[in-house]
Amino acid sequence: MPQRLLFVYNADGGLLPGLKDAFHKILSPATYPCSLCAVTYGATSMRPEWKAFVQQLPVPVEFLHRDEFVRDHSQWQQHRLPAAFAVLESGELQPFIRAEEMDSADLNGLMEMVRARLG
């Protein structure tokens, strides 16, 4: 079992990028590039069912924006996002959920995927 899970949004952090993303998600959801954001967030905050799910997992969960992830893990900068990684005891990252899988999952499907992979 991983030490923790790291979910990475396909969006940059900060106030201005956040506002831009919120408008993009509302005005043109079909072209919004972050399926993780789209299924786990409402207009302004994390969906309560996702928040509760994450809190009950047997491992800690961390969330990073694309710019934070690339800053901290530059060797993964070519990895397609959004994605989730298992953080191993050594600190090494291992892909846990790939972008293609996230792009095709709704919230229930994402939660089921996480449950199944944690065993």
N, C-alpha and C. Protein backbone atom coordinates (compact mmCIF):
# COMPACT_ATOMS: atom_id res chain seq x y z
N MET A 1 0.86 -1.19 0.00
CA MET A 1 0.00 0.00 0.00
C MET A 1 0.89 1.24 0.00
N PRO A 2 0.51 2.25 -0.77
CA PRO A 2 1.32 3.47 -0.81
C PRO A 2 1.31 4.19 0.54
N GLN A 3 2.30 5.03 0.74
CA GLN A 3 2.36 5.88 1.94
C GLN A 3 1.28 6.95 1.89
N ARG A 4 1.03 7.45 0.67
CA ARG A 4 -0.01 8.45 0.44
C ARG A 4 -0.35 8.49 -1.03
N LEU A 5 -1.43 9.17 -1.36
CA LEU A 5 -1.82 9.39 -2.75
C LEU A 5 -1.64 10.86 -3.08
N LEU A 6 -1.21 11.11 -4.30
CA LEU A 6 -1.01 12.47 -4.77
C LEU A 6 -1.83 12.66 -6.03
N PHE A 7 -2.85 13.52 -5.95
CA PHE A 7 -3.68 13.84 -7.10
C PHE A 7 -3.17 15.16 -7.69
N VAL A 8 -3.01 15.19 -9.00
CA VAL A 8 -2.48 16.38 -9.66
C VAL A 8 -3.49 16.90 -10.67
N TYR A 9 -3.91 18.14 -10.46
CA TYR A 9 -4.85 18.80 -11.36
C TYR A 9 -4.14 19.25 -12.63
N ASN A 10 -4.84 19.26 -13.74
CA ASN A 10 -4.32 19.80 -14.99
C ASN A 10 -4.70 21.28 -15.06
N ALA A 11 -4.30 22.01 -14.03
CA ALA A 11 -4.59 23.44 -13.91
C ALA A 11 -3.54 24.03 -12.97
N ASP A 12 -3.19 25.28 -13.20
CA ASP A 12 -2.22 25.95 -12.34
C ASP A 12 -2.90 26.52 -11.10
N GLY A 13 -2.14 26.65 -10.03
CA GLY A 13 -2.65 27.20 -8.78
C GLY A 13 -2.65 28.71 -8.79
N GLY A 14 -3.27 29.30 -7.79
CA GLY A 14 -3.30 30.76 -7.65
C GLY A 14 -4.67 31.33 -7.96
N LEU A 15 -4.86 32.56 -7.53
CA LEU A 15 -6.16 33.21 -7.66
C LEU A 15 -6.58 33.45 -9.11
N LEU A 16 -5.71 34.06 -9.91
CA LEU A 16 -6.09 34.36 -11.30
C LEU A 16 -6.31 33.10 -12.13
N PRO A 17 -5.39 32.13 -12.09
CA PRO A 17 -5.69 30.90 -12.83
C PRO A 17 -6.96 30.20 -12.32
N GLY A 18 -7.21 30.27 -11.01
CA GLY A 18 -8.41 29.67 -10.45
C GLY A 18 -9.68 30.32 -10.97
N LEU A 19 -9.69 31.63 -11.05
CA LEU A 19 -10.85 32.35 -11.58
C LEU A 19 -11.05 32.02 -13.06
N LYS A 20 -9.96 32.01 -13.81
CA LYS A 20 -10.04 31.67 -15.24
C LYS A 20 -10.61 30.26 -15.41
N ASP A 21 -10.12 29.32 -14.60
CA ASP A 21 -10.60 27.94 -14.68
C ASP A 21 -12.08 27.84 -14.33
N ALA A 22 -12.51 28.58 -13.30
CA ALA A 22 -13.91 28.54 -12.88
C ALA A 22 -14.81 29.01 -14.02
N PHE A 23 -14.43 30.09 -14.68
CA PHE A 23 -15.23 30.59 -15.80
C PHE A 23 -15.21 29.61 -16.97
N HIS A 24 -14.05 29.04 -17.26
CA HIS A 24 -13.94 28.08 -18.36
C HIS A 24 -14.85 26.87 -18.09
N LYS A 25 -14.82 26.38 -16.86
CA LYS A 25 -15.62 25.21 -16.49
C LYS A 25 -17.11 25.49 -16.66
N ILE A 26 -17.52 26.71 -16.32
CA ILE A 26 -18.94 27.09 -16.42
C ILE A 26 -19.35 27.38 -17.86
N LEU A 27 -18.52 28.15 -18.57
CA LEU A 27 -18.88 28.61 -19.92
C LEU A 27 -18.67 27.56 -21.01
N SER A 28 -17.66 26.71 -20.82
CA SER A 28 -17.36 25.72 -21.86
C SER A 28 -16.87 24.41 -21.24
N PRO A 29 -17.75 23.72 -20.53
CA PRO A 29 -17.32 22.51 -19.82
C PRO A 29 -16.75 21.43 -20.74
N ALA A 30 -17.20 21.36 -21.97
CA ALA A 30 -16.72 20.32 -22.88
C ALA A 30 -15.25 20.49 -23.24
N THR A 31 -14.74 21.72 -23.18
CA THR A 31 -13.34 21.95 -23.53
C THR A 31 -12.46 22.18 -22.30
N TYR A 32 -13.02 21.99 -21.12
CA TYR A 32 -12.24 22.20 -19.89
C TYR A 32 -11.21 21.08 -19.76
N PRO A 33 -9.89 21.42 -19.61
CA PRO A 33 -8.84 20.41 -19.69
C PRO A 33 -8.59 19.57 -18.43
N CYS A 34 -9.29 19.85 -17.34
CA CYS A 34 -9.02 19.10 -16.11
C CYS A 34 -10.25 18.30 -15.68
N SER A 35 -10.28 17.03 -16.07
CA SER A 35 -11.41 16.19 -15.68
C SER A 35 -11.45 15.95 -14.17
N LEU A 36 -10.29 15.96 -13.52
CA LEU A 36 -10.27 15.80 -12.06
C LEU A 36 -10.98 16.97 -11.39
N CYS A 37 -10.69 18.18 -11.84
CA CYS A 37 -11.37 19.38 -11.31
C CYS A 37 -12.87 19.29 -11.60
N ALA A 38 -13.19 18.91 -12.82
CA ALA A 38 -14.58 18.91 -13.27
C ALA A 38 -15.45 17.96 -12.44
N VAL A 39 -14.93 16.80 -12.06
CA VAL A 39 -15.78 15.84 -11.33
C VAL A 39 -15.69 15.99 -9.82
N THR A 40 -14.61 16.59 -9.30
CA THR A 40 -14.46 16.67 -7.84
C THR A 40 -14.80 18.04 -7.27
N TYR A 41 -15.00 19.02 -8.14
CA TYR A 41 -15.32 20.38 -7.68
C TYR A 41 -16.62 20.86 -8.29
N GLY A 42 -17.37 21.60 -7.49
CA GLY A 42 -18.52 22.33 -8.00
C GLY A 42 -18.01 23.66 -8.52
N ALA A 43 -18.85 24.67 -8.53
CA ALA A 43 -18.45 25.99 -9.04
C ALA A 43 -17.33 26.61 -8.22
N THR A 44 -17.36 26.41 -6.90
CA THR A 44 -16.37 27.10 -6.06
C THR A 44 -15.66 26.23 -5.03
N SER A 45 -16.16 25.05 -4.77
CA SER A 45 -15.54 24.26 -3.71
C SER A 45 -15.61 22.76 -4.02
N MET A 46 -14.81 22.01 -3.25
CA MET A 46 -14.77 20.57 -3.42
C MET A 46 -16.13 19.96 -3.12
N ARG A 47 -16.55 19.02 -3.93
CA ARG A 47 -17.84 18.35 -3.71
C ARG A 47 -17.81 17.62 -2.37
N PRO A 48 -18.86 17.75 -1.57
CA PRO A 48 -18.87 17.14 -0.23
C PRO A 48 -18.66 15.62 -0.25
N GLU A 49 -19.22 14.94 -1.26
CA GLU A 49 -19.07 13.48 -1.30
C GLU A 49 -17.62 13.07 -1.59
N TRP A 50 -16.91 13.86 -2.39
CA TRP A 50 -15.49 13.59 -2.68
C TRP A 50 -14.65 13.89 -1.44
N LYS A 51 -14.94 15.01 -0.80
CA LYS A 51 -14.20 15.40 0.41
C LYS A 51 -14.34 14.32 1.49
N ALA A 52 -15.54 13.83 1.70
CA ALA A 52 -15.78 12.78 2.70
C ALA A 52 -15.07 11.49 2.29
N PHE A 53 -15.11 11.15 1.02
CA PHE A 53 -14.45 9.95 0.52
C PHE A 53 -12.95 10.00 0.79
N VAL A 54 -12.33 11.11 0.43
CA VAL A 54 -10.88 11.28 0.60
C VAL A 54 -10.50 11.18 2.08
N GLN A 55 -11.31 11.76 2.95
CA GLN A 55 -11.01 11.76 4.38
C GLN A 55 -11.08 10.37 5.00
N GLN A 56 -11.88 9.47 4.42
CA GLN A 56 -12.01 8.13 5.00
C GLN A 56 -11.04 7.11 4.41
N LEU A 57 -10.21 7.52 3.44
CA LEU A 57 -9.25 6.59 2.84
C LEU A 57 -8.19 6.17 3.86
N PRO A 58 -7.61 4.96 3.70
CA PRO A 58 -6.64 4.47 4.68
C PRO A 58 -5.25 5.10 4.54
N VAL A 59 -5.06 5.97 3.56
CA VAL A 59 -3.79 6.69 3.38
C VAL A 59 -4.08 8.18 3.23
N PRO A 60 -3.13 9.02 3.62
CA PRO A 60 -3.31 10.47 3.42
C PRO A 60 -3.35 10.79 1.92
N VAL A 61 -4.05 11.86 1.59
CA VAL A 61 -4.19 12.30 0.21
C VAL A 61 -3.73 13.75 0.12
N GLU A 62 -2.94 14.02 -0.92
CA GLU A 62 -2.45 15.37 -1.18
C GLU A 62 -2.89 15.78 -2.58
N PHE A 63 -3.16 17.06 -2.77
CA PHE A 63 -3.56 17.59 -4.07
C PHE A 63 -2.57 18.67 -4.47
N LEU A 64 -2.10 18.61 -5.71
CA LEU A 64 -1.22 19.64 -6.24
C LEU A 64 -1.76 20.13 -7.57
N HIS A 65 -1.50 21.41 -7.85
CA HIS A 65 -1.78 21.96 -9.17
C HIS A 65 -0.60 21.64 -10.07
N ARG A 66 -0.83 21.73 -11.37
CA ARG A 66 0.19 21.39 -12.37
C ARG A 66 1.51 22.11 -12.11
N ASP A 67 1.48 23.44 -11.87
CA ASP A 67 2.72 24.20 -11.67
C ASP A 67 3.47 23.75 -10.41
N GLU A 68 2.74 23.41 -9.36
CA GLU A 68 3.36 22.94 -8.12
C GLU A 68 3.99 21.56 -8.33
N PHE A 69 3.29 20.71 -9.05
CA PHE A 69 3.78 19.36 -9.32
C PHE A 69 5.07 19.39 -10.13
N VAL A 70 5.09 20.20 -11.20
CA VAL A 70 6.27 20.29 -12.04
C VAL A 70 7.44 20.88 -11.25
N ARG A 71 7.16 21.84 -10.40
CA ARG A 71 8.22 22.43 -9.56
C ARG A 71 8.83 21.37 -8.63
N ASP A 72 7.98 20.55 -8.02
CA ASP A 72 8.45 19.57 -7.03
C ASP A 72 8.91 18.25 -7.64
N HIS A 73 8.42 17.93 -8.83
CA HIS A 73 8.70 16.62 -9.45
C HIS A 73 8.99 16.82 -10.94
N SER A 74 10.03 17.57 -11.26
CA SER A 74 10.30 17.95 -12.65
C SER A 74 10.51 16.75 -13.57
N GLN A 75 10.93 15.62 -13.03
CA GLN A 75 11.14 14.44 -13.88
C GLN A 75 9.82 13.92 -14.45
N TRP A 76 8.69 14.34 -13.90
CA TRP A 76 7.37 13.90 -14.36
C TRP A 76 6.68 14.95 -15.23
N GLN A 77 7.37 16.00 -15.62
CA GLN A 77 6.70 17.11 -16.32
C GLN A 77 6.07 16.72 -17.65
N GLN A 78 6.52 15.63 -18.26
CA GLN A 78 5.92 15.19 -19.53
C GLN A 78 4.72 14.26 -19.33
N HIS A 79 4.45 13.88 -18.09
CA HIS A 79 3.34 12.96 -17.80
C HIS A 79 2.02 13.70 -18.01
N ARG A 80 1.11 13.08 -18.72
CA ARG A 80 -0.18 13.71 -19.03
C ARG A 80 -1.02 13.85 -17.75
N LEU A 81 -1.61 15.01 -17.59
CA LEU A 81 -2.44 15.32 -16.42
C LEU A 81 -3.87 15.56 -16.85
N PRO A 82 -4.83 15.43 -15.93
CA PRO A 82 -4.70 15.12 -14.52
C PRO A 82 -4.32 13.66 -14.31
N ALA A 83 -3.74 13.40 -13.15
CA ALA A 83 -3.32 12.05 -12.82
C ALA A 83 -3.24 11.91 -11.31
N ALA A 84 -3.14 10.66 -10.87
CA ALA A 84 -2.91 10.39 -9.45
C ALA A 84 -1.69 9.49 -9.36
N PHE A 85 -0.91 9.69 -8.32
CA PHE A 85 0.30 8.92 -8.09
C PHE A 85 0.26 8.30 -6.70
N ALA A 86 0.82 7.10 -6.61
CA ALA A 86 1.06 6.49 -5.31
C ALA A 86 2.44 6.96 -4.89
N VAL A 87 2.56 7.47 -3.67
CA VAL A 87 3.85 7.86 -3.14
C VAL A 87 4.34 6.70 -2.29
N LEU A 88 5.45 6.11 -2.72
CA LEU A 88 5.99 4.93 -2.04
C LEU A 88 6.79 5.33 -0.80
N GLU A 89 7.14 4.36 0.01
CA GLU A 89 7.89 4.62 1.23
C GLU A 89 9.21 5.34 0.94
N SER A 90 9.80 5.05 -0.22
CA SER A 90 11.07 5.67 -0.63
C SER A 90 10.88 7.13 -1.06
N GLY A 91 9.62 7.55 -1.21
CA GLY A 91 9.33 8.89 -1.71
C GLY A 91 9.13 8.91 -3.22
N GLU A 92 9.42 7.78 -3.86
CA GLU A 92 9.27 7.65 -5.30
C GLU A 92 7.79 7.67 -5.68
N LEU A 93 7.50 8.25 -6.85
CA LEU A 93 6.13 8.27 -7.36
C LEU A 93 5.91 7.12 -8.33
N GLN A 94 4.71 6.58 -8.26
CA GLN A 94 4.31 5.52 -9.18
C GLN A 94 2.92 5.88 -9.69
N PRO A 95 2.70 5.86 -11.03
CA PRO A 95 1.37 6.18 -11.54
C PRO A 95 0.30 5.30 -10.87
N PHE A 96 -0.78 5.93 -10.46
CA PHE A 96 -1.88 5.25 -9.77
C PHE A 96 -3.15 5.29 -10.61
N ILE A 97 -3.46 6.47 -11.17
CA ILE A 97 -4.57 6.63 -12.12
C ILE A 97 -4.06 7.55 -13.22
N ARG A 98 -4.13 7.07 -14.43
CA ARG A 98 -3.63 7.84 -15.59
C ARG A 98 -4.69 8.81 -16.08
N ALA A 99 -4.23 9.81 -16.84
CA ALA A 99 -5.12 10.85 -17.38
C ALA A 99 -6.27 10.26 -18.17
N GLU A 100 -5.98 9.26 -19.00
CA GLU A 100 -7.02 8.67 -19.85
C GLU A 100 -8.13 8.06 -18.99
N GLU A 101 -7.74 7.44 -17.87
CA GLU A 101 -8.72 6.84 -16.98
C GLU A 101 -9.54 7.91 -16.28
N MET A 102 -8.88 8.98 -15.85
CA MET A 102 -9.60 10.07 -15.19
C MET A 102 -10.56 10.76 -16.15
N ASP A 103 -10.10 10.93 -17.38
CA ASP A 103 -10.93 11.61 -18.38
C ASP A 103 -12.23 10.86 -18.65
N SER A 104 -12.23 9.55 -18.46
CA SER A 104 -13.41 8.75 -18.78
C SER A 104 -14.26 8.42 -17.55
N ALA A 105 -13.86 8.90 -16.37
CA ALA A 105 -14.59 8.56 -15.14
C ALA A 105 -15.45 9.71 -14.64
N ASP A 106 -16.63 9.36 -14.13
CA ASP A 106 -17.42 10.34 -13.38
C ASP A 106 -16.97 10.22 -11.92
N LEU A 107 -17.59 10.97 -11.03
CA LEU A 107 -17.16 10.97 -9.63
C LEU A 107 -17.26 9.58 -9.00
N ASN A 108 -18.37 8.89 -9.20
CA ASN A 108 -18.52 7.55 -8.64
C ASN A 108 -17.49 6.58 -9.21
N GLY A 109 -17.23 6.69 -10.50
CA GLY A 109 -16.24 5.84 -11.15
C GLY A 109 -14.83 6.10 -10.62
N LEU A 110 -14.51 7.37 -10.38
CA LEU A 110 -13.21 7.73 -9.82
C LEU A 110 -13.06 7.15 -8.42
N MET A 111 -14.09 7.30 -7.60
CA MET A 111 -14.03 6.77 -6.23
C MET A 111 -13.88 5.25 -6.25
N GLU A 112 -14.59 4.59 -7.15
CA GLU A 112 -14.50 3.14 -7.25
C GLU A 112 -13.10 2.70 -7.69
N MET A 113 -12.52 3.44 -8.61
CA MET A 113 -11.17 3.14 -9.08
C MET A 113 -10.17 3.23 -7.93
N VAL A 114 -10.27 4.30 -7.14
CA VAL A 114 -9.37 4.48 -6.00
C VAL A 114 -9.55 3.35 -5.01
N ARG A 115 -10.79 3.03 -4.66
CA ARG A 115 -11.08 1.93 -3.72
C ARG A 115 -10.47 0.62 -4.19
N ALA A 116 -10.71 0.28 -5.45
CA ALA A 116 -10.24 -0.99 -6.01
C ALA A 116 -8.72 -1.07 -6.00
N ARG A 117 -8.05 0.01 -6.32
CA ARG A 117 -6.58 -0.01 -6.41
C ARG A 117 -5.92 0.01 -5.05
N LEU A 118 -6.60 0.55 -4.07
CA LEU A 118 -6.03 0.49 -2.71
C LEU A 118 -6.25 -0.88 -2.09
N GLY A 119 -7.17 -1.65 -2.70
CA GLY A 119 -7.41 -3.03 -2.25
C GLY A 119 -8.23 -3.07 -1.02
